[in-house]
Protein backbone atom coordinates (compact mmCIF):
# COMPACT_ATOMS: atom_id res chain seq x y z
CA UNK A 1 36.39 114.39 100.49
CA UNK A 2 37.19 115.87 103.91
CA UNK A 3 33.72 115.22 105.30
CA UNK A 4 33.62 111.66 103.96
CA UNK A 5 37.08 110.86 105.36
CA UNK A 6 36.28 112.41 108.74
CA UNK A 7 32.97 110.54 109.04
CA UNK A 8 34.55 107.23 108.00
CA UNK A 9 37.35 107.54 110.55
CA UNK A 10 34.98 108.65 113.31
CA UNK A 11 32.57 105.78 112.66
CA UNK A 12 35.29 103.13 112.77
CA UNK A 13 37.09 104.57 115.80
CA UNK A 14 33.77 104.90 117.67
CA UNK A 15 33.32 101.14 117.33
CA UNK A 16 36.56 100.17 119.09
CA UNK A 17 35.88 97.35 121.54
CA UNK A 18 38.81 98.06 123.90
CA UNK A 19 41.76 100.40 124.29
CA UNK A 20 44.02 97.41 123.65
CA UNK A 21 42.59 97.29 120.11
CA UNK A 22 44.73 100.37 119.34
CA UNK A 23 48.07 98.93 118.23
CA UNK A 24 49.83 102.18 117.27
CA UNK A 25 48.99 105.83 117.79
CA UNK A 26 50.79 108.89 116.47
CA UNK A 27 49.82 112.44 115.59
CA UNK A 28 49.67 111.49 111.90
CA UNK A 29 48.36 107.91 112.03
CA UNK A 30 46.44 105.34 114.03
CA UNK A 31 46.38 101.55 113.71
CA UNK A 32 43.75 99.41 115.39
CA UNK A 33 41.85 96.14 115.19
CA UNK A 34 38.16 96.23 114.39
CA UNK A 35 36.06 93.14 113.76
CA UNK A 36 39.23 91.05 113.66
CA UNK A 37 40.88 93.19 110.96
CA UNK A 38 43.94 95.41 111.43
CA UNK A 39 43.25 98.90 110.02
CA UNK A 40 45.36 102.01 109.66
CA UNK A 41 44.47 105.62 108.87
CA UNK A 42 47.43 107.72 107.73
CA UNK A 43 48.50 110.47 105.36
CA UNK A 44 50.81 109.70 102.44
CA UNK A 45 51.84 112.69 100.37
CA UNK A 46 48.59 114.59 99.83
CA UNK A 47 46.36 111.51 100.20
CA UNK A 48 44.60 110.34 103.34
CA UNK A 49 44.50 106.55 103.37
CA UNK A 50 42.58 103.79 105.11
CA UNK A 51 45.11 101.00 104.75
CA UNK A 52 46.00 101.36 101.04
CA UNK A 53 42.63 102.85 99.99
CA UNK A 54 42.38 106.60 99.35
CA UNK A 55 39.78 108.35 101.51
CA UNK A 56 40.62 111.91 100.46
CA UNK A 57 42.97 113.71 98.09
CA UNK A 58 44.58 117.15 98.26
CA UNK A 59 45.00 116.79 102.03
CA UNK A 60 47.10 119.70 103.27
CA UNK A 61 47.05 118.63 106.92
CA UNK A 62 45.89 115.70 109.02
CA UNK A 63 46.32 115.18 112.74
CA UNK A 64 45.09 112.99 115.55
CA UNK A 65 45.18 113.90 119.24
CA UNK A 66 44.48 111.33 121.95
CA UNK A 67 43.02 112.21 125.35
CA UNK A 68 42.61 110.51 128.72
CA UNK A 69 39.30 110.49 130.60
CA UNK A 70 40.30 113.65 132.52
CA UNK A 71 41.14 115.59 129.33
CA UNK A 72 44.94 115.28 129.62
CA UNK A 73 46.92 113.99 126.65
CA UNK A 74 47.10 110.19 126.43
CA UNK A 75 50.53 108.69 125.80
CA UNK A 76 49.53 105.02 125.52
CA UNK A 77 46.56 103.16 124.04
CA UNK A 78 45.40 102.03 127.48
CA UNK A 79 44.80 105.68 128.45
CA UNK A 80 42.76 106.70 125.38
CA UNK A 81 39.16 107.74 125.99
CA UNK A 82 38.72 110.42 123.29
CA UNK A 83 40.34 111.03 119.90
CA UNK A 84 40.33 114.38 118.08
CA UNK A 85 40.62 114.22 114.29
CA UNK A 86 41.55 117.27 112.19
CA UNK A 87 41.77 117.35 108.40
CA UNK A 88 42.27 120.16 105.90
CA UNK A 89 41.96 119.90 102.14
CA UNK A 90 43.28 122.57 99.79
CA UNK A 91 41.98 122.82 96.23
CA UNK A 92 42.18 125.72 93.79
CA UNK A 93 43.73 127.91 96.48
CA UNK A 94 40.86 127.34 98.94
CA UNK A 95 41.20 125.37 102.16
CA UNK A 96 38.42 123.49 103.93
CA UNK A 97 39.21 122.44 107.50
CA UNK A 98 37.16 120.03 109.58
CA UNK A 99 37.52 118.73 113.12
CA UNK A 100 35.64 116.22 115.23
CA UNK A 101 36.11 114.31 118.46
CA UNK A 102 35.37 110.63 118.82
CA UNK A 103 34.40 108.95 122.08
CA UNK A 104 34.82 105.22 121.38
CA UNK A 105 31.81 103.48 122.93
CA UNK A 106 33.77 100.80 124.75
CA UNK A 107 36.29 103.30 126.17
CA UNK A 108 33.86 105.65 127.90
CA UNK A 109 34.40 104.23 131.41
CA UNK A 110 36.03 106.81 133.61
CA UNK A 111 35.20 109.72 131.34
CA UNK A 112 34.49 112.91 133.29
CA UNK A 113 32.05 115.19 131.51
CA UNK A 114 32.54 118.95 131.67
CA UNK A 115 29.41 119.17 133.81
CA UNK A 116 30.98 116.87 136.42
CA UNK A 117 34.24 118.85 136.70
């Protein structure tokens, strides 16, 4: 469940056409427009949802962190160049944690790679 949810979120966020397509961003949710449709990823209870559809169950933690091109934390959608997604699922006393970072294709302008710093 965790891998599927993480891959689904990463794929959709990678396809953002512009920073202005992000309509709301928080540490526990993100709303955006993709292909003319408003979408939201968020945690409700122990479920991780894409709109009202369950992506994963038994979610013990879920967080999103938004970064500017220089690696500093972004505070508005216009600043976002990278999004870190973390999810943990706990079942039968065992926890699986996954993390990835998404670089939306259309938002890569101004990104400074570690090699350039």
